[in-house]
Each structure stands twice: as structure tokens, then as C-alpha cells.
Amino acid sequence: MLCDDTGVASNSRELEQRSEVGPQDEPSAEWGWHGGFPKGTIAGGIVTIILCAVFFIGPYQSRTQDLWLGGVILVVLIGMALQIRKKRNAWRR
């Protein structure tokens, strides 16, 4: 049984009412919580790529993990490229 006063999703199509406090009035807006971390995301991607590349070195009998590591590196590289492209083209919108 679903309760309407808990704020959780229900099977009705009505939208949940939010508080009347705007993002500018919230305390977290003072120290930038509403922003993103674009430089941190790129730095984390670079660290992930370096760590995955280091795992290529090792005495393994099977190279299945190399395929997985290469795939992870490729996915992270594609994600970083898309984020950089999005950031560079953001001023055009």
C-alpha cells in the first residue's frame, strides 16, 4: 500500500510538489555544490586510463583481461572526448 504523504513515487500521474526554496537560497549554493566537476572528471579519467594501462603488464596465461582492460580504456577515452567536445561547443548554444 502506498502512502501519499511520504514523498515516494506512487502510481498516480501527479507531480510531486517541491519546496518553494530556490537553488540560490540554499546554503549549498554558497560553496558551489550546484556546479559540476569537469576538471575532476577529466583528471579521474586520466588516472583510470593510466591504472588500466599499468595492469597490461603482468605474467598472465590468458589475455582475456587485456581485452577487458582495453575496452575499459576505450570507453573512458570516448567519454572524455565527448565531455571535452560538449564543453568546447557549449558556448555556441
Protein backbone atom coordinates (compact mmCIF):
# COMPACT_ATOMS: atom_id res chain seq x y z
CA MET A 1 0.00 0.00 0.00
CA LEU A 2 1.39 3.38 -0.97
CA CYS A 3 1.15 6.44 1.24
CA ASP A 4 0.70 9.84 -0.36
CA ASP A 5 2.44 11.83 2.39
CA THR A 6 5.84 10.10 2.25
CA GLY A 7 7.14 11.77 -0.92
CA VAL A 8 7.91 8.49 -2.65
CA ALA A 9 6.73 7.57 -6.11
CA SER A 10 3.18 6.46 -6.45
CA ASN A 11 1.10 5.11 -9.29
CA SER A 12 -0.64 8.44 -9.88
CA ARG A 13 0.35 10.78 -12.69
CA GLU A 14 0.57 13.87 -10.48
CA LEU A 15 3.93 15.52 -9.97
CA GLU A 16 5.38 15.76 -6.51
CA GLN A 17 5.30 19.26 -5.06
CA ARG A 18 8.77 20.60 -4.31
CA SER A 19 9.70 23.11 -1.66
CA GLU A 20 9.49 26.78 -2.52
CA VAL A 21 13.19 27.36 -1.79
CA GLY A 22 15.17 28.20 -4.90
CA PRO A 23 18.71 26.99 -5.62
CA GLN A 24 20.09 30.47 -4.94
CA ASP A 25 18.63 30.43 -1.41
CA GLU A 26 20.00 27.06 -0.42
CA PRO A 27 23.11 27.04 1.77
CA SER A 28 24.96 24.72 -0.59
CA ALA A 29 24.86 27.35 -3.33
CA GLU A 30 27.44 29.38 -1.38
CA TRP A 31 30.17 26.77 -1.80
CA GLY A 32 29.27 25.64 -5.31
CA TRP A 33 27.52 22.32 -4.80
CA HIS A 34 25.17 23.03 -7.70
CA GLY A 35 28.02 23.07 -10.21
CA GLY A 36 29.75 20.20 -11.93
CA PHE A 37 33.27 18.83 -11.69
CA PRO A 38 34.54 18.95 -15.30
CA LYS A 39 38.25 19.16 -14.40
CA GLY A 40 37.87 16.45 -11.77
CA THR A 41 36.10 14.19 -14.25
CA ILE A 42 38.88 14.58 -16.81
CA ALA A 43 41.56 14.02 -14.15
CA GLY A 44 39.73 10.92 -12.92
CA GLY A 45 39.54 9.62 -16.48
CA ILE A 46 43.27 10.12 -16.99
CA VAL A 47 44.05 8.32 -13.71
CA THR A 48 41.73 5.46 -14.71
CA ILE A 49 43.41 5.11 -18.09
CA ILE A 50 46.88 5.09 -16.52
CA LEU A 51 45.90 2.48 -13.93
CA CYS A 52 44.28 0.24 -16.53
CA ALA A 53 47.33 0.57 -18.78
CA VAL A 54 49.61 -0.49 -15.90
CA PHE A 55 47.56 -3.66 -15.48
CA PHE A 56 48.56 -4.72 -19.00
CA ILE A 57 51.98 -5.57 -17.56
CA GLY A 58 51.98 -8.93 -15.82
CA PRO A 59 52.63 -12.65 -16.14
CA TYR A 60 49.22 -13.86 -17.27
CA GLN A 61 48.46 -17.08 -19.11
CA SER A 62 45.29 -15.75 -20.69
CA ARG A 63 44.89 -12.42 -22.43
CA THR A 64 41.14 -12.14 -21.81
CA GLN A 65 41.72 -9.45 -19.19
CA ASP A 66 43.69 -7.44 -21.74
CA LEU A 67 40.58 -7.28 -23.89
CA TRP A 68 38.54 -6.07 -20.94
CA LEU A 69 41.15 -3.51 -19.92
CA GLY A 70 41.39 -2.27 -23.50
CA GLY A 71 37.61 -1.98 -23.62
CA VAL A 72 37.50 -0.01 -20.38
CA ILE A 73 40.24 2.31 -21.64
CA LEU A 74 38.36 2.80 -24.91
CA VAL A 75 35.07 3.58 -23.13
CA VAL A 76 36.76 6.08 -20.79
CA LEU A 77 38.55 7.74 -23.73
CA ILE A 78 35.29 8.06 -25.66
CA GLY A 79 33.54 9.50 -22.60
CA MET A 80 36.32 12.03 -22.05
CA ALA A 81 36.29 13.03 -25.73
CA LEU A 82 32.53 13.56 -25.65
CA GLN A 83 32.78 15.66 -22.50
CA ILE A 84 35.57 17.82 -23.93
CA ARG A 85 33.61 18.24 -27.17
CA LYS A 86 30.47 19.18 -25.23
CA LYS A 87 32.41 21.71 -23.16
CA ARG A 88 34.01 23.30 -26.22
CA ASN A 89 30.72 23.58 -28.09
CA ALA A 90 28.69 24.81 -25.09
CA TRP A 91 29.27 28.48 -25.90
CA ARG A 92 27.58 28.05 -29.29
CA ARG A 93 24.20 27.17 -27.81
